[in-house]
Amino acid sequence: MSGAEHVAVVGAGAFGTALALVAHKAGRRVTLWGRDAGHVADISRQRENAVHLPGVDVPSPIMVTADTAALNRADMVLLAAPAQATREALAMLGGRLGDVPVVACAKGIEQGTGLRQSEIIAEMLAGARPAALSGPGFAEEIARGQPTAVTIAAEDLPLAHALSRTLASDTFRPYASDDLIGVELGGAVKNVLAIAAGVVAGRALGESARAALIARGLAEMTRLGTALGARAETFMGLSGLGDLVLTATSRRSRNLAFGMALGEGRAAAELLAPGMPLVEGAHTARIAAELAARLGIEAPIVAAVAATVDGALTIDAAIEGLVNRPLKAETA
């Protein structure tokens, strides 16, 4: 891949719009595709995504459309649909995407299959070259041009470098990696851990407890990732520790806010009802816990979040179970 002049972004939500702005700033021709024709028409007319990114200009050179034919000649696709909707999006668009790099930008593991986003891409698009973009970055900050660093991973490192160059600018710095498993697992599992951090905040257990949870959660993430073939050092980078710190500490994090609401006594079913904000970690928790159990990996924080979200464990019982675990060496 010598360079992508035409970048297509699938998904006209906050993150998809932010990525379209990133590609535009990097000097690329950009198509932003969304399935809701009315929403897309509003963005195109107002040159603003008033629903998801109010107050952020969408420059006129960015084509905003609901026409799948506009994706035909893209050199690179950024897939920014929600993680649990990736398969549906690819089933709808697969015939339009061609033999090009398709970059998974959602952070989650598919329920029912346990597949990472790049694995879904590989399964659904025989000719595509799967990659993933992950790391600490809120859509609004990215869209407003605030400095952001992320990781772009592909099994082929030269491809990851080429994709990084395609999106790089003075405010958006992608680092290349060939550890696709580690980058995707870090992005998915940190959402689950951020829910746990939110519970700590919602129960007013203190900053010391949250710091301990982040550290032990990082150990769980690393154990699970390396058991699946990732490199341990990946989890110390942007898509592991970096993203975990952001999501587990910022009040702007949906996963943290969800956990805080649980800690304050609200029910998971209420918080996940139709029309409520998307919480990727709530959908990833059960499958991450199942993967850990299947592999014989200790992941008590992930398991506690999964059981709490499913209603099988109360918040108080989850906390009691974690604080009363047997003492051991920190490396264990």
C-alpha atoms as a PDB file:
ATOM      1  CA  MET A   1       0.000   0.000   0.000  1.00  0.00           C
ATOM      2  CA  SER A   2       1.845   3.103  -1.211  1.00  0.00           C
ATOM      3  CA  GLY A   3      -0.749   5.588   0.047  1.00  0.00           C
ATOM      4  CA  ALA A   4      -4.478   6.003   0.438  1.00  0.00           C
ATOM      5  CA  GLU A   5      -5.829   9.078  -1.298  1.00  0.00           C
ATOM      6  CA  HIS A   6      -9.502   8.224  -0.722  1.00  0.00           C
ATOM      7  CA  VAL A   7     -10.438   7.310   2.854  1.00  0.00           C
ATOM      8  CA  ALA A   8     -13.969   6.071   3.545  1.00  0.00           C
ATOM      9  CA  VAL A   9     -15.357   6.169   7.074  1.00  0.00           C
ATOM     10  CA  VAL A  10     -18.260   3.823   7.843  1.00  0.00           C
ATOM     11  CA  GLY A  11     -20.376   5.146  10.699  1.00  0.00           C
ATOM     12  CA  ALA A  12     -21.553   8.738  11.111  1.00  0.00           C
ATOM     13  CA  GLY A  13     -21.555   8.828  14.890  1.00  0.00           C
ATOM     14  CA  ALA A  14     -19.194  10.904  17.006  1.00  0.00           C
ATOM     15  CA  PHE A  15     -16.096   8.765  16.474  1.00  0.00           C
ATOM     16  CA  GLY A  16     -16.703   8.208  12.762  1.00  0.00           C
ATOM     17  CA  THR A  17     -17.130  11.942  12.233  1.00  0.00           C
ATOM     18  CA  ALA A  18     -13.974  12.641  14.222  1.00  0.00           C
ATOM     19  CA  LEU A  19     -12.010  10.165  12.092  1.00  0.00           C
ATOM     20  CA  ALA A  20     -13.337  11.768   8.914  1.00  0.00           C
ATOM     21  CA  LEU A  21     -11.955  15.073  10.193  1.00  0.00           C
ATOM     22  CA  VAL A  22      -8.619  13.378  10.967  1.00  0.00           C
ATOM     23  CA  ALA A  23      -8.340  12.011   7.426  1.00  0.00           C
ATOM     24  CA  HIS A  24      -9.332  15.383   5.948  1.00  0.00           C
ATOM     25  CA  LYS A  25      -6.674  17.187   7.997  1.00  0.00           C
ATOM     26  CA  ALA A  26      -4.129  14.621   6.773  1.00  0.00           C
ATOM     27  CA  GLY A  27      -4.890  15.765   3.219  1.00  0.00           C
ATOM     28  CA  ARG A  28      -7.027  12.840   2.078  1.00  0.00           C
ATOM     29  CA  ARG A  29     -10.216  12.794   0.052  1.00  0.00           C
ATOM     30  CA  VAL A  30     -12.844  11.648   2.542  1.00  0.00           C
ATOM     31  CA  THR A  31     -16.248   9.997   2.341  1.00  0.00           C
ATOM     32  CA  LEU A  32     -18.278   9.706   5.543  1.00  0.00           C
ATOM     33  CA  TRP A  33     -21.003   7.076   5.180  1.00  0.00           C
ATOM     34  CA  GLY A  34     -23.967   6.577   7.500  1.00  0.00           C
ATOM     35  CA  ARG A  35     -26.969   4.288   7.225  1.00  0.00           C
ATOM     36  CA  ASP A  36     -29.518   6.857   8.480  1.00  0.00           C
ATOM     37  CA  ALA A  37     -30.287   8.927   5.387  1.00  0.00           C
ATOM     38  CA  GLY A  38     -31.989  11.683   7.376  1.00  0.00           C
ATOM     39  CA  HIS A  39     -29.092  12.072   9.812  1.00  0.00           C
ATOM     40  CA  VAL A  40     -26.575  12.059   6.962  1.00  0.00           C
ATOM     41  CA  ALA A  41     -28.596  14.671   5.050  1.00  0.00           C
ATOM     42  CA  ASP A  42     -28.592  16.912   8.128  1.00  0.00           C
ATOM     43  CA  ILE A  43     -24.803  16.675   8.458  1.00  0.00           C
ATOM     44  CA  SER A  44     -24.344  17.371   4.764  1.00  0.00           C
ATOM     45  CA  ARG A  45     -26.647  20.378   4.843  1.00  0.00           C
ATOM     46  CA  GLN A  46     -25.559  21.905   8.157  1.00  0.00           C
ATOM     47  CA  ARG A  47     -21.872  20.878   7.862  1.00  0.00           C
ATOM     48  CA  GLU A  48     -22.103  19.825  11.488  1.00  0.00           C
ATOM     49  CA  ASN A  49     -22.962  16.569  13.243  1.00  0.00           C
ATOM     50  CA  ALA A  50     -25.380  18.338  15.580  1.00  0.00           C
ATOM     51  CA  VAL A  51     -26.533  15.079  17.198  1.00  0.00           C
ATOM     52  CA  HIS A  52     -23.136  13.681  18.170  1.00  0.00           C
ATOM     53  CA  LEU A  53     -20.564  16.507  17.826  1.00  0.00           C
ATOM     54  CA  PRO A  54     -22.371  19.829  18.139  1.00  0.00           C
ATOM     55  CA  GLY A  55     -20.286  22.878  17.432  1.00  0.00           C
ATOM     56  CA  VAL A  56     -17.663  21.065  15.332  1.00  0.00           C
ATOM     57  CA  ASP A  57     -17.481  22.067  11.663  1.00  0.00           C
ATOM     58  CA  VAL A  58     -17.506  19.338   9.013  1.00  0.00           C
ATOM     59  CA  PRO A  59     -15.627  20.922   6.068  1.00  0.00           C
ATOM     60  CA  SER A  60     -17.412  20.913   2.722  1.00  0.00           C
ATOM     61  CA  PRO A  61     -14.798  18.728   0.924  1.00  0.00           C
ATOM     62  CA  ILE A  62     -15.881  15.786   3.122  1.00  0.00           C
ATOM     63  CA  MET A  63     -18.599  13.912   1.253  1.00  0.00           C
ATOM     64  CA  VAL A  64     -21.339  12.813   3.657  1.00  0.00           C
ATOM     65  CA  THR A  65     -23.650  10.206   2.188  1.00  0.00           C
ATOM     66  CA  ALA A  66     -25.917   7.203   2.744  1.00  0.00           C
ATOM     67  CA  ASP A  67     -25.194   5.860  -0.750  1.00  0.00           C
ATOM     68  CA  THR A  68     -23.140   2.669  -0.547  1.00  0.00           C
ATOM     69  CA  ALA A  69     -21.844   3.222  -4.093  1.00  0.00           C
ATOM     70  CA  ALA A  70     -19.699   6.052  -2.709  1.00  0.00           C
ATOM     71  CA  LEU A  71     -17.526   3.418  -1.005  1.00  0.00           C
ATOM     72  CA  ASN A  72     -16.641   1.647  -4.249  1.00  0.00           C
ATOM     73  CA  ARG A  73     -13.298   3.234  -4.961  1.00  0.00           C
ATOM     74  CA  ALA A  74     -11.998   3.873  -1.449  1.00  0.00           C
ATOM     75  CA  ASP A  75      -8.327   3.056  -0.863  1.00  0.00           C
ATOM     76  CA  MET A  76      -8.832   2.546   2.870  1.00  0.00           C
ATOM     77  CA  VAL A  77     -11.901   2.029   5.067  1.00  0.00           C
ATOM     78  CA  LEU A  78     -12.227   3.077   8.700  1.00  0.00           C
ATOM     79  CA  LEU A  79     -14.987   0.966  10.241  1.00  0.00           C
ATOM     80  CA  ALA A  80     -16.500   3.014  13.064  1.00  0.00           C
ATOM     81  CA  ALA A  81     -19.782   1.175  13.640  1.00  0.00           C
ATOM     82  CA  PRO A  82     -20.409  -0.116  17.204  1.00  0.00           C
ATOM     83  CA  ALA A  83     -18.537  -3.336  17.960  1.00  0.00           C
ATOM     84  CA  GLN A  84     -21.637  -5.507  18.191  1.00  0.00           C
ATOM     85  CA  ALA A  85     -22.881  -4.108  14.851  1.00  0.00           C
ATOM     86  CA  THR A  86     -19.699  -4.795  12.875  1.00  0.00           C
ATOM     87  CA  ARG A  87     -20.971  -8.015  11.300  1.00  0.00           C
ATOM     88  CA  GLU A  88     -24.243  -6.359  10.267  1.00  0.00           C
ATOM     89  CA  ALA A  89     -22.408  -3.386   8.744  1.00  0.00           C
ATOM     90  CA  LEU A  90     -20.088  -5.639   6.752  1.00  0.00           C
ATOM     91  CA  ALA A  91     -22.983  -7.778   5.537  1.00  0.00           C
ATOM     92  CA  MET A  92     -24.609  -4.606   4.229  1.00  0.00           C
ATOM     93  CA  LEU A  93     -21.478  -3.072   2.697  1.00  0.00           C
ATOM     94  CA  GLY A  94     -19.153  -5.984   1.958  1.00  0.00           C
ATOM     95  CA  GLY A  95     -19.804  -5.965  -1.773  1.00  0.00           C
ATOM     96  CA  ARG A  96     -18.747  -2.321  -1.965  1.00  0.00           C
ATOM     97  CA  LEU A  97     -15.465  -2.392  -0.052  1.00  0.00           C
ATOM     98  CA  GLY A  98     -13.137  -4.314  -2.370  1.00  0.00           C
ATOM     99  CA  ASP A  99      -9.640  -5.598  -1.693  1.00  0.00           C
ATOM    100  CA  VAL A 100      -8.501  -2.737   0.561  1.00  0.00           C
ATOM    101  CA  PRO A 101      -7.354  -2.292   4.157  1.00  0.00           C
ATOM    102  CA  VAL A 102     -10.356  -2.210   6.483  1.00  0.00           C
ATOM    103  CA  VAL A 103      -9.486  -0.739   9.877  1.00  0.00           C
ATOM    104  CA  ALA A 104     -11.616  -1.715  12.875  1.00  0.00           C
ATOM    105  CA  CYS A 105     -12.103   1.353  15.054  1.00  0.00           C
ATOM    106  CA  ALA A 106     -14.657  -0.046  17.542  1.00  0.00           C
ATOM    107  CA  LYS A 107     -13.377  -1.591  20.767  1.00  0.00           C
ATOM    108  CA  GLY A 108     -15.156  -4.794  21.647  1.00  0.00           C
ATOM    109  CA  ILE A 109     -15.357  -8.577  21.354  1.00  0.00           C
ATOM    110  CA  GLU A 110     -18.316 -10.034  19.486  1.00  0.00           C
ATOM    111  CA  GLN A 111     -20.880 -11.702  21.705  1.00  0.00           C
ATOM    112  CA  GLY A 112     -21.629 -15.294  20.823  1.00  0.00           C
ATOM    113  CA  THR A 113     -18.452 -15.878  18.817  1.00  0.00           C
ATOM    114  CA  GLY A 114     -15.686 -14.330  20.916  1.00  0.00           C
ATOM    115  CA  LEU A 115     -14.182 -12.856  17.748  1.00  0.00           C
ATOM    116  CA  ARG A 116     -12.146  -9.680  17.687  1.00  0.00           C
ATOM    117  CA  GLN A 117     -13.187  -6.977  15.237  1.00  0.00           C
ATOM    118  CA  SER A 118     -10.398  -7.782  12.756  1.00  0.00           C
ATOM    119  CA  GLU A 119     -11.408 -11.455  12.833  1.00  0.00           C
ATOM    120  CA  ILE A 120     -14.956 -10.507  11.868  1.00  0.00           C
ATOM    121  CA  ILE A 121     -13.565  -8.446   8.993  1.00  0.00           C
ATOM    122  CA  ALA A 122     -11.427 -11.371   7.811  1.00  0.00           C
ATOM    123  CA  GLU A 123     -14.405 -13.721   8.016  1.00  0.00           C
ATOM    124  CA  MET A 124     -16.831 -11.420   6.205  1.00  0.00           C
ATOM    125  CA  LEU A 125     -14.513  -9.914   3.558  1.00  0.00           C
ATOM    126  CA  ALA A 126     -12.325 -12.494   1.891  1.00  0.00           C
ATOM    127  CA  GLY A 127     -10.120  -9.964   0.111  1.00  0.00           C
ATOM    128  CA  ALA A 128      -9.794  -7.318   2.804  1.00  0.00           C
ATOM    129  CA  ARG A 129      -6.653  -6.635   4.795  1.00  0.00           C
ATOM    130  CA  PRO A 130      -7.828  -6.254   8.421  1.00  0.00           C
ATOM    131  CA  ALA A 131      -6.284  -3.722  10.767  1.00  0.00           C
ATOM    132  CA  ALA A 132      -7.283  -1.974  13.982  1.00  0.00           C
ATOM    133  CA  LEU A 133      -7.056   1.527  15.413  1.00  0.00           C
ATOM    134  CA  SER A 134      -7.058   1.833  19.194  1.00  0.00           C
ATOM    135  CA  GLY A 135      -5.741   4.034  21.962  1.00  0.00           C
ATOM    136  CA  PRO A 136      -6.672   6.901  24.279  1.00  0.00           C
ATOM    137  CA  GLY A 137      -8.829   9.385  22.400  1.00  0.00           C
ATOM    138  CA  PHE A 138     -12.246  10.900  22.963  1.00  0.00           C
ATOM    139  CA  ALA A 139     -14.124  11.754  19.777  1.00  0.00           C
ATOM    140  CA  GLU A 140     -14.731  15.387  20.688  1.00  0.00           C
ATOM    141  CA  GLU A 141     -11.078  16.063  21.496  1.00  0.00           C
ATOM    142  CA  ILE A 142      -9.945  14.365  18.291  1.00  0.00           C
ATOM    143  CA  ALA A 143     -12.520  16.284  16.252  1.00  0.00           C
ATOM    144  CA  ARG A 144     -11.419  19.618  17.735  1.00  0.00           C
ATOM    145  CA  GLY A 145      -7.807  18.927  16.830  1.00  0.00           C
ATOM    146  CA  GLN A 146      -6.472  18.388  20.330  1.00  0.00           C
ATOM    147  CA  PRO A 147      -3.266  16.314  20.418  1.00  0.00           C
ATOM    148  CA  THR A 148      -3.995  12.582  20.302  1.00  0.00           C
ATOM    149  CA  ALA A 149      -1.807   9.492  19.936  1.00  0.00           C
ATOM    150  CA  VAL A 150      -3.168   6.078  18.983  1.00  0.00           C
ATOM    151  CA  THR A 151      -1.936   2.709  17.737  1.00  0.00           C
ATOM    152  CA  ILE A 152      -2.728   1.273  14.322  1.00  0.00           C
ATOM    153  CA  ALA A 153      -2.075  -2.443  14.119  1.00  0.00           C
ATOM    154  CA  ALA A 154      -1.941  -4.958  11.296  1.00  0.00           C
ATOM    155  CA  GLU A 155      -0.298  -8.356  11.073  1.00  0.00           C
ATOM    156  CA  ASP A 156       1.843  -6.880   8.293  1.00  0.00           C
ATOM    157  CA  LEU A 157       3.946  -4.130   9.929  1.00  0.00           C
ATOM    158  CA  PRO A 158       4.620  -2.235   6.654  1.00  0.00           C
ATOM    159  CA  LEU A 159       0.856  -2.015   6.163  1.00  0.00           C
ATOM    160  CA  ALA A 160       0.429  -0.647   9.700  1.00  0.00           C
ATOM    161  CA  HIS A 161       3.078   1.996   8.947  1.00  0.00           C
ATOM    162  CA  ALA A 162       1.364   2.932   5.673  1.00  0.00           C
ATOM    163  CA  LEU A 163      -2.006   3.287   7.395  1.00  0.00           C
ATOM    164  CA  SER A 164      -0.404   5.416  10.108  1.00  0.00           C
ATOM    165  CA  ARG A 165       1.156   7.741   7.523  1.00  0.00           C
ATOM    166  CA  THR A 166      -2.201   8.092   5.799  1.00  0.00           C
ATOM    167  CA  LEU A 167      -3.855   9.546   8.908  1.00  0.00           C
ATOM    168  CA  ALA A 168      -0.960  11.362  10.561  1.00  0.00           C
ATOM    169  CA  SER A 169      -0.984  15.114  11.147  1.00  0.00           C
ATOM    170  CA  ASP A 170       0.464  17.563  13.655  1.00  0.00           C
ATOM    171  CA  THR A 171      -2.366  16.785  16.100  1.00  0.00           C
ATOM    172  CA  PHE A 172      -3.016  13.095  15.370  1.00  0.00           C
ATOM    173  CA  ARG A 173      -0.071  10.739  15.825  1.00  0.00           C
ATOM    174  CA  PRO A 174      -0.586   7.041  15.035  1.00  0.00           C
ATOM    175  CA  TYR A 175       2.071   4.528  16.104  1.00  0.00           C
ATOM    176  CA  ALA A 176       2.350   1.312  14.078  1.00  0.00           C
ATOM    177  CA  SER A 177       2.230  -2.201  15.544  1.00  0.00           C
ATOM    178  CA  ASP A 178       2.068  -5.749  14.220  1.00  0.00           C
ATOM    179  CA  ASP A 179       0.498  -7.056  17.448  1.00  0.00           C
ATOM    180  CA  LEU A 180      -3.077  -7.003  16.194  1.00  0.00           C
ATOM    181  CA  ILE A 181      -4.300  -9.303  18.966  1.00  0.00           C
ATOM    182  CA  GLY A 182      -2.800  -7.184  21.748  1.00  0.00           C
ATOM    183  CA  VAL A 183      -4.012  -3.866  20.364  1.00  0.00           C
ATOM    184  CA  GLU A 184      -7.576  -5.142  19.956  1.00  0.00           C
ATOM    185  CA  LEU A 185      -7.709  -6.940  23.302  1.00  0.00           C
ATOM    186  CA  GLY A 186      -6.397  -3.885  25.116  1.00  0.00           C
ATOM    187  CA  GLY A 187      -9.075  -1.673  23.586  1.00  0.00           C
ATOM    188  CA  ALA A 188     -11.860  -4.128  24.380  1.00  0.00           C
ATOM    189  CA  VAL A 189     -10.928  -5.195  27.911  1.00  0.00           C
ATOM    190  CA  LYS A 190     -10.109  -1.694  29.163  1.00  0.00           C
ATOM    191  CA  ASN A 191     -13.804  -0.835  28.728  1.00  0.00           C
ATOM    192  CA  VAL A 192     -14.746  -3.643  31.110  1.00  0.00           C
ATOM    193  CA  LEU A 193     -12.156  -2.489  33.633  1.00  0.00           C
ATOM    194  CA  ALA A 194     -13.390   1.101  33.358  1.00  0.00           C
ATOM    195  CA  ILE A 195     -16.828  -0.088  34.482  1.00  0.00           C
ATOM    196  CA  ALA A 196     -15.200  -1.563  37.591  1.00  0.00           C
ATOM    197  CA  ALA A 197     -13.371   1.731  38.183  1.00  0.00           C
ATOM    198  CA  GLY A 198     -16.706   3.489  37.920  1.00  0.00           C
ATOM    199  CA  VAL A 199     -18.213   1.203  40.552  1.00  0.00           C
ATOM    200  CA  VAL A 200     -15.337   2.138  42.867  1.00  0.00           C
ATOM    201  CA  ALA A 201     -16.122   5.815  42.322  1.00  0.00           C
ATOM    202  CA  GLY A 202     -19.876   5.317  42.627  1.00  0.00           C
ATOM    203  CA  ARG A 203     -19.420   3.527  45.938  1.00  0.00           C
ATOM    204  CA  ALA A 204     -16.991   6.264  47.115  1.00  0.00           C
ATOM    205  CA  LEU A 205     -14.281   3.715  47.879  1.00  0.00           C
ATOM    206  CA  GLY A 206     -11.510   6.236  47.235  1.00  0.00           C
ATOM    207  CA  GLU A 207      -8.771   7.042  44.746  1.00  0.00           C
ATOM    208  CA  SER A 208      -6.385   4.517  46.285  1.00  0.00           C
ATOM    209  CA  ALA A 209      -8.850   1.729  45.548  1.00  0.00           C
ATOM    210  CA  ARG A 210      -9.292   2.911  41.972  1.00  0.00           C
ATOM    211  CA  ALA A 211      -5.514   3.028  41.408  1.00  0.00           C
ATOM    212  CA  ALA A 212      -5.181  -0.505  42.760  1.00  0.00           C
ATOM    213  CA  LEU A 213      -8.012  -1.685  40.522  1.00  0.00           C
ATOM    214  CA  ILE A 214      -6.383  -0.148  37.440  1.00  0.00           C
ATOM    215  CA  ALA A 215      -3.079  -1.864  38.243  1.00  0.00           C
ATOM    216  CA  ARG A 216      -4.645  -5.256  38.907  1.00  0.00           C
ATOM    217  CA  GLY A 217      -6.946  -4.849  35.920  1.00  0.00           C
ATOM    218  CA  LEU A 218      -3.929  -4.232  33.706  1.00  0.00           C
ATOM    219  CA  ALA A 219      -2.474  -7.513  34.987  1.00  0.00           C
ATOM    220  CA  GLU A 220      -5.704  -9.328  34.043  1.00  0.00           C
ATOM    221  CA  MET A 221      -5.717  -7.740  30.603  1.00  0.00           C
ATOM    222  CA  THR A 222      -2.103  -8.782  30.045  1.00  0.00           C
ATOM    223  CA  ARG A 223      -2.683 -12.376  31.201  1.00  0.00           C
ATOM    224  CA  LEU A 224      -5.684 -12.780  28.930  1.00  0.00           C
ATOM    225  CA  GLY A 225      -3.970 -11.145  25.960  1.00  0.00           C
ATOM    226  CA  THR A 226      -0.765 -13.155  26.171  1.00  0.00           C
ATOM    227  CA  ALA A 227      -2.774 -16.376  26.500  1.00  0.00           C
ATOM    228  CA  LEU A 228      -4.415 -15.446  23.192  1.00  0.00           C
ATOM    229  CA  GLY A 229      -1.063 -14.778  21.500  1.00  0.00           C
ATOM    230  CA  ALA A 230      -0.424 -11.091  22.185  1.00  0.00           C
ATOM    231  CA  ARG A 231       2.860  -9.609  23.408  1.00  0.00           C
ATOM    232  CA  ALA A 232       2.944  -8.442  27.024  1.00  0.00           C
ATOM    233  CA  GLU A 233       4.666  -5.155  26.148  1.00  0.00           C
ATOM    234  CA  THR A 234       1.732  -4.099  23.963  1.00  0.00           C
ATOM    235  CA  PHE A 235      -0.408  -3.689  27.080  1.00  0.00           C
ATOM    236  CA  MET A 236       2.051  -1.134  28.465  1.00  0.00           C
ATOM    237  CA  GLY A 237       1.465   1.074  25.423  1.00  0.00           C
ATOM    238  CA  LEU A 238      -1.225   3.378  24.101  1.00  0.00           C
ATOM    239  CA  SER A 239      -3.802   0.688  23.355  1.00  0.00           C
ATOM    240  CA  GLY A 240      -3.401  -0.897  26.797  1.00  0.00           C
ATOM    241  CA  LEU A 241      -2.305   1.221  29.735  1.00  0.00           C
ATOM    242  CA  GLY A 242      -2.840   4.517  27.906  1.00  0.00           C
ATOM    243  CA  ASP A 243      -6.433   3.784  26.966  1.00  0.00           C
ATOM    244  CA  LEU A 244      -7.165   2.185  30.340  1.00  0.00           C
ATOM    245  CA  VAL A 245      -6.004   5.242  32.274  1.00  0.00           C
ATOM    246  CA  LEU A 246      -8.134   7.559  30.148  1.00  0.00           C
ATOM    247  CA  THR A 247     -11.283   5.443  30.252  1.00  0.00           C
ATOM    248  CA  ALA A 248     -11.006   4.544  33.938  1.00  0.00           C
ATOM    249  CA  THR A 249     -10.385   8.088  35.188  1.00  0.00           C
ATOM    250  CA  SER A 250     -12.229  10.593  32.981  1.00  0.00           C
ATOM    251  CA  ARG A 251     -15.811  11.543  33.826  1.00  0.00           C
ATOM    252  CA  ARG A 252     -16.374  11.804  30.053  1.00  0.00           C
ATOM    253  CA  SER A 253     -15.969   8.030  29.718  1.00  0.00           C
ATOM    254  CA  ARG A 254     -19.275   6.247  29.088  1.00  0.00           C
ATOM    255  CA  ASN A 255     -17.953   3.053  30.616  1.00  0.00           C
ATOM    256  CA  LEU A 256     -16.833   4.849  33.778  1.00  0.00           C
ATOM    257  CA  ALA A 257     -20.170   6.684  33.997  1.00  0.00           C
ATOM    258  CA  PHE A 258     -22.030   3.381  33.611  1.00  0.00           C
ATOM    259  CA  GLY A 259     -20.003   1.841  36.440  1.00  0.00           C
ATOM    260  CA  MET A 260     -20.576   4.879  38.647  1.00  0.00           C
ATOM    261  CA  ALA A 261     -24.318   4.564  38.117  1.00  0.00           C
ATOM    262  CA  LEU A 262     -24.133   0.870  39.056  1.00  0.00           C
ATOM    263  CA  GLY A 263     -22.169   1.773  42.162  1.00  0.00           C
ATOM    264  CA  GLU A 264     -24.805   4.338  43.111  1.00  0.00           C
ATOM    265  CA  GLY A 265     -27.499   1.668  42.974  1.00  0.00           C
ATOM    266  CA  ARG A 266     -29.009   1.852  39.496  1.00  0.00           C
ATOM    267  CA  ALA A 267     -29.801  -1.388  37.662  1.00  0.00           C
ATOM    268  CA  ALA A 268     -27.798  -2.510  34.635  1.00  0.00           C
ATOM    269  CA  ALA A 269     -30.991  -3.276  32.692  1.00  0.00           C
ATOM    270  CA  GLU A 270     -32.147   0.317  33.154  1.00  0.00           C
ATOM    271  CA  LEU A 271     -28.795   1.734  32.060  1.00  0.00           C
ATOM    272  CA  LEU A 272     -28.680  -0.493  28.955  1.00  0.00           C
ATOM    273  CA  ALA A 273     -32.266   0.145  27.848  1.00  0.00           C
ATOM    274  CA  PRO A 274     -32.920   1.340  24.277  1.00  0.00           C
ATOM    275  CA  GLY A 275     -32.081   5.000  23.859  1.00  0.00           C
ATOM    276  CA  MET A 276     -29.406   4.986  26.584  1.00  0.00           C
ATOM    277  CA  PRO A 277     -25.753   5.773  25.695  1.00  0.00           C
ATOM    278  CA  LEU A 278     -23.729   2.953  24.132  1.00  0.00           C
ATOM    279  CA  VAL A 279     -21.518   1.186  26.704  1.00  0.00           C
ATOM    280  CA  GLU A 280     -19.186  -1.157  24.834  1.00  0.00           C
ATOM    281  CA  GLY A 281     -17.734  -2.650  28.028  1.00  0.00           C
ATOM    282  CA  ALA A 282     -21.106  -3.920  29.180  1.00  0.00           C
ATOM    283  CA  HIS A 283     -21.433  -5.938  25.978  1.00  0.00           C
ATOM    284  CA  THR A 284     -17.835  -7.200  26.100  1.00  0.00           C
ATOM    285  CA  ALA A 285     -17.745  -8.205  29.774  1.00  0.00           C
ATOM    286  CA  ARG A 286     -19.445 -11.590  29.524  1.00  0.00           C
ATOM    287  CA  ILE A 287     -17.515 -12.825  26.507  1.00  0.00           C
ATOM    288  CA  ALA A 288     -14.192 -11.622  27.993  1.00  0.00           C
ATOM    289  CA  ALA A 289     -14.990 -13.480  31.206  1.00  0.00           C
ATOM    290  CA  GLU A 290     -15.913 -16.592  29.215  1.00  0.00           C
ATOM    291  CA  LEU A 291     -12.659 -16.408  27.235  1.00  0.00           C
ATOM    292  CA  ALA A 292     -10.635 -16.115  30.440  1.00  0.00           C
ATOM    293  CA  ALA A 293     -12.453 -19.071  32.016  1.00  0.00           C
ATOM    294  CA  ARG A 294     -12.011 -21.184  28.886  1.00  0.00           C
ATOM    295  CA  LEU A 295      -8.260 -20.476  28.898  1.00  0.00           C
ATOM    296  CA  GLY A 296      -7.878 -20.999  32.638  1.00  0.00           C
ATOM    297  CA  ILE A 297      -6.847 -17.359  33.135  1.00  0.00           C
ATOM    298  CA  GLU A 298      -7.529 -15.631  36.451  1.00  0.00           C
ATOM    299  CA  ALA A 299      -9.543 -12.486  35.720  1.00  0.00           C
ATOM    300  CA  PRO A 300     -11.595 -11.791  38.857  1.00  0.00           C
ATOM    301  CA  ILE A 301     -12.325  -8.132  38.054  1.00  0.00           C
ATOM    302  CA  VAL A 302     -13.581  -8.937  34.552  1.00  0.00           C
ATOM    303  CA  ALA A 303     -15.642 -11.839  35.956  1.00  0.00           C
ATOM    304  CA  ALA A 304     -17.160  -9.615  38.652  1.00  0.00           C
ATOM    305  CA  VAL A 305     -18.151  -6.961  36.109  1.00  0.00           C
ATOM    306  CA  ALA A 306     -19.722  -9.602  33.854  1.00  0.00           C
ATOM    307  CA  ALA A 307     -21.734 -11.112  36.705  1.00  0.00           C
ATOM    308  CA  THR A 308     -22.865  -7.688  37.900  1.00  0.00           C
ATOM    309  CA  VAL A 309     -23.967  -6.557  34.442  1.00  0.00           C
ATOM    310  CA  ASP A 310     -25.859  -9.840  33.979  1.00  0.00           C
ATOM    311  CA  GLY A 311     -27.584  -9.400  37.337  1.00  0.00           C
ATOM    312  CA  ALA A 312     -26.038 -12.564  38.773  1.00  0.00           C
ATOM    313  CA  LEU A 313     -24.087 -10.686  41.462  1.00  0.00           C
ATOM    314  CA  THR A 314     -24.844  -7.608  43.524  1.00  0.00           C
ATOM    315  CA  ILE A 315     -22.360  -4.753  43.703  1.00  0.00           C
ATOM    316  CA  ASP A 316     -21.724  -5.424  47.388  1.00  0.00           C
ATOM    317  CA  ALA A 317     -21.118  -9.127  46.769  1.00  0.00           C
ATOM    318  CA  ALA A 318     -18.760  -8.330  43.887  1.00  0.00           C
ATOM    319  CA  ILE A 319     -16.732  -5.938  46.039  1.00  0.00           C
ATOM    320  CA  GLU A 320     -16.626  -8.405  48.941  1.00  0.00           C
ATOM    321  CA  GLY A 321     -15.448 -11.178  46.635  1.00  0.00           C
ATOM    322  CA  LEU A 322     -12.611  -9.068  45.256  1.00  0.00           C
ATOM    323  CA  VAL A 323     -11.312  -7.666  48.547  1.00  0.00           C
ATOM    324  CA  ASN A 324     -11.369 -11.088  50.231  1.00  0.00           C
ATOM    325  CA  ARG A 325      -9.386 -12.926  47.575  1.00  0.00           C
ATOM    326  CA  PRO A 326      -6.381 -14.895  48.911  1.00  0.00           C
ATOM    327  CA  LEU A 327      -3.159 -12.952  49.275  1.00  0.00           C
ATOM    328  CA  LYS A 328      -0.444 -13.785  46.744  1.00  0.00           C
ATOM    329  CA  ALA A 329       2.685 -12.394  45.107  1.00  0.00           C
ATOM    330  CA  GLU A 330       1.959  -9.301  43.019  1.00  0.00           C
ATOM    331  CA  THR A 331       3.282 -10.924  39.836  1.00  0.00           C
ATOM    332  CA  ALA A 332       0.779 -13.777  40.130  1.00  0.00           C
END
